Amino acid sequence: MLKRVPGLILLAMLSACGGGGEEGLSGPCIAESNEPSIMIDAVRNSSSGAIVPTFVLSGIAVDGMPLLAGLSPERLLIAVNARVVGTTVECGTPCGFSRFEGTHTFTVSATGYVSKAVSVSGRYALTVGGCPSVQSGGAHTALTLDPA
């Protein structure tokens, strides 16, 4: 029996930082984010360069998985100048959203502009700690929309 104890201790130590499930949402080891993984610094008119002050993001997916399906927005988003309305995110400039790393695909639209499908890589520049960890330094991007 004594020979099994070290193995059980090792198993307990290894499982303490496991947890499985979606990253940052379950288990004892949590990756917290201080800011969104994506910050849209500006959406501009492709002809004039003028800032588009408000816009809507729809069909948001991360690595092909719908972002706003199934879980509460509070668990999925870190919002900066953004609010969830149904399955869309209404934004002002700048607009930050998502707490996940990966390829984010979505459609950006605004009144008076042609909607545009976008793909942006959401990544954090800094991760501090191991189990748990804190992520910061989300990706920044700027987008353009064509006038209708």
Protein backbone atom coordinates (compact mmCIF):
# COMPACT_ATOMS: atom_id res chain seq x y z
CA MET A 1 0.00 0.00 0.00
CA LEU A 2 2.83 2.43 0.76
CA LYS A 3 4.15 2.05 -2.77
CA ARG A 4 0.85 3.37 -4.17
CA VAL A 5 0.82 6.57 -2.08
CA PRO A 6 3.52 8.40 -4.11
CA GLY A 7 1.63 7.54 -7.31
CA LEU A 8 -1.62 8.89 -5.86
CA ILE A 9 0.12 12.08 -4.75
CA LEU A 10 1.62 12.51 -8.22
CA LEU A 11 -1.79 11.94 -9.80
CA ALA A 12 -3.37 14.51 -7.48
CA MET A 13 -0.62 17.04 -8.27
CA LEU A 14 -0.99 16.55 -12.02
CA SER A 15 -4.77 16.83 -11.96
CA ALA A 16 -4.73 20.02 -9.86
CA CYS A 17 -3.88 22.09 -12.92
CA GLY A 18 -6.04 20.12 -15.32
CA GLY A 19 -9.76 20.42 -15.40
CA GLY A 20 -10.43 19.93 -19.07
CA GLY A 21 -13.35 21.69 -20.67
CA GLU A 22 -13.20 25.04 -22.35
CA GLU A 23 -10.10 27.06 -21.52
CA GLY A 24 -10.70 29.56 -18.76
CA LEU A 25 -14.23 28.31 -18.04
CA SER A 26 -13.91 25.17 -15.93
CA GLY A 27 -11.62 23.23 -13.65
CA PRO A 28 -9.24 24.47 -10.99
CA CYS A 29 -6.74 26.01 -13.42
CA ILE A 30 -8.12 29.23 -14.87
CA ALA A 31 -6.59 31.54 -17.46
CA GLU A 32 -7.95 35.00 -16.65
CA SER A 33 -7.91 37.83 -19.16
CA ASN A 34 -7.57 41.46 -18.14
CA GLU A 35 -8.64 42.74 -21.54
CA PRO A 36 -10.23 41.52 -24.78
CA SER A 37 -8.25 39.25 -27.09
CA ILE A 38 -9.25 41.55 -29.98
CA MET A 39 -9.44 45.34 -30.02
CA ILE A 40 -10.81 47.00 -33.14
CA ASP A 41 -9.08 50.37 -32.88
CA ALA A 42 -11.09 51.89 -35.71
CA VAL A 43 -13.46 51.13 -38.55
CA ARG A 44 -12.90 53.62 -41.34
CA ASN A 45 -14.69 54.65 -44.51
CA SER A 46 -12.54 53.14 -47.29
CA SER A 47 -13.03 56.21 -49.52
CA SER A 48 -12.64 59.15 -47.13
CA GLY A 49 -10.80 57.58 -44.19
CA ALA A 50 -13.46 58.94 -41.82
CA ILE A 51 -14.15 56.97 -38.65
CA VAL A 52 -17.34 54.89 -38.67
CA PRO A 53 -18.53 55.68 -35.11
CA THR A 54 -20.88 52.71 -34.59
CA PHE A 55 -20.97 49.26 -36.17
CA VAL A 56 -22.30 45.76 -35.59
CA LEU A 57 -20.46 42.43 -35.48
CA SER A 58 -22.48 39.35 -36.38
CA GLY A 59 -21.84 35.67 -37.03
CA ILE A 60 -18.88 35.73 -34.64
CA ALA A 61 -16.95 32.45 -34.46
CA VAL A 62 -13.62 31.46 -32.93
CA ASP A 63 -11.78 28.72 -34.79
CA GLY A 64 -15.10 27.86 -36.45
CA MET A 65 -17.15 27.63 -33.22
CA PRO A 66 -19.97 30.18 -32.76
CA LEU A 67 -19.01 32.57 -29.97
CA LEU A 68 -22.42 33.69 -28.72
CA ALA A 69 -24.14 30.30 -28.72
CA GLY A 70 -24.82 28.45 -25.50
CA LEU A 71 -22.96 30.39 -22.80
CA SER A 72 -23.74 33.72 -21.19
CA PRO A 73 -22.04 36.75 -22.79
CA GLU A 74 -20.34 37.58 -19.48
CA ARG A 75 -18.37 34.32 -19.70
CA LEU A 76 -17.48 34.82 -23.35
CA LEU A 77 -16.77 38.50 -23.71
CA ILE A 78 -14.66 41.17 -22.18
CA ALA A 79 -16.44 44.14 -23.70
CA VAL A 80 -14.94 47.56 -24.34
CA ASN A 81 -17.43 49.95 -26.00
CA ALA A 82 -19.48 46.88 -26.89
CA ARG A 83 -22.77 45.30 -25.87
CA VAL A 84 -24.37 42.03 -26.80
CA VAL A 85 -27.76 42.27 -28.49
CA GLY A 86 -29.08 38.79 -29.27
CA THR A 87 -26.36 37.10 -31.31
CA THR A 88 -24.65 40.34 -32.36
CA VAL A 89 -22.23 42.75 -30.73
CA GLU A 90 -22.95 46.46 -31.14
CA CYS A 91 -19.77 48.51 -31.04
CA GLY A 92 -18.47 52.02 -30.77
CA THR A 93 -14.93 52.97 -31.76
CA PRO A 94 -12.71 51.52 -30.35
CA CYS A 95 -14.35 48.16 -29.73
CA GLY A 96 -12.93 45.24 -27.79
CA PHE A 97 -14.51 41.82 -27.45
CA SER A 98 -13.85 38.11 -26.78
CA ARG A 99 -11.74 36.44 -24.13
CA PHE A 100 -10.49 33.65 -26.40
CA GLU A 101 -7.39 33.28 -28.51
CA GLY A 102 -7.76 31.96 -32.05
CA THR A 103 -9.01 32.96 -35.46
CA HIS A 104 -12.11 35.12 -35.07
CA THR A 105 -14.40 35.37 -38.09
CA PHE A 106 -17.34 37.75 -38.22
CA THR A 107 -19.25 40.17 -40.40
CA VAL A 108 -18.92 43.88 -39.69
CA SER A 109 -21.74 46.17 -40.83
CA ALA A 110 -22.85 49.77 -40.38
CA THR A 111 -25.65 51.93 -41.70
CA GLY A 112 -24.68 53.33 -45.11
CA TYR A 113 -21.90 50.78 -45.69
CA VAL A 114 -21.50 47.43 -47.43
CA SER A 115 -21.16 44.58 -44.90
CA LYS A 116 -17.78 42.87 -44.88
CA ALA A 117 -16.64 39.41 -43.77
CA VAL A 118 -13.51 39.64 -41.61
CA SER A 119 -10.97 37.22 -40.17
CA VAL A 120 -8.76 38.42 -37.30
CA SER A 121 -6.30 36.50 -35.14
CA GLY A 122 -7.01 37.11 -31.45
CA ARG A 123 -3.87 36.56 -29.41
CA TYR A 124 -2.54 37.75 -26.08
CA ALA A 125 1.01 39.10 -26.05
CA LEU A 126 1.66 38.26 -22.41
CA THR A 127 0.75 35.39 -20.10
CA VAL A 128 1.89 35.66 -16.47
CA GLY A 129 1.83 32.66 -14.17
CA GLY A 130 1.16 29.02 -14.81
CA CYS A 131 -1.80 27.69 -12.90
CA PRO A 132 -3.69 30.00 -12.72
CA SER A 133 -2.44 32.54 -15.29
CA VAL A 134 -3.36 36.07 -16.36
CA GLN A 135 -3.35 37.07 -20.02
CA SER A 136 -2.98 40.62 -21.36
CA GLY A 137 -1.92 42.51 -24.46
CA GLY A 138 -4.73 41.52 -26.83
CA ALA A 139 -4.38 41.94 -30.60
CA HIS A 140 -5.20 45.31 -32.19
CA THR A 141 -6.64 45.77 -35.67
CA ALA A 142 -8.24 48.42 -37.85
CA LEU A 143 -10.94 47.71 -40.45
CA THR A 144 -12.40 49.51 -43.47
CA LEU A 145 -15.91 49.50 -44.91
CA ASP A 146 -16.96 50.54 -48.41
CA PRO A 147 -19.75 53.10 -48.65
CA ALA A 148 -23.03 51.63 -49.96
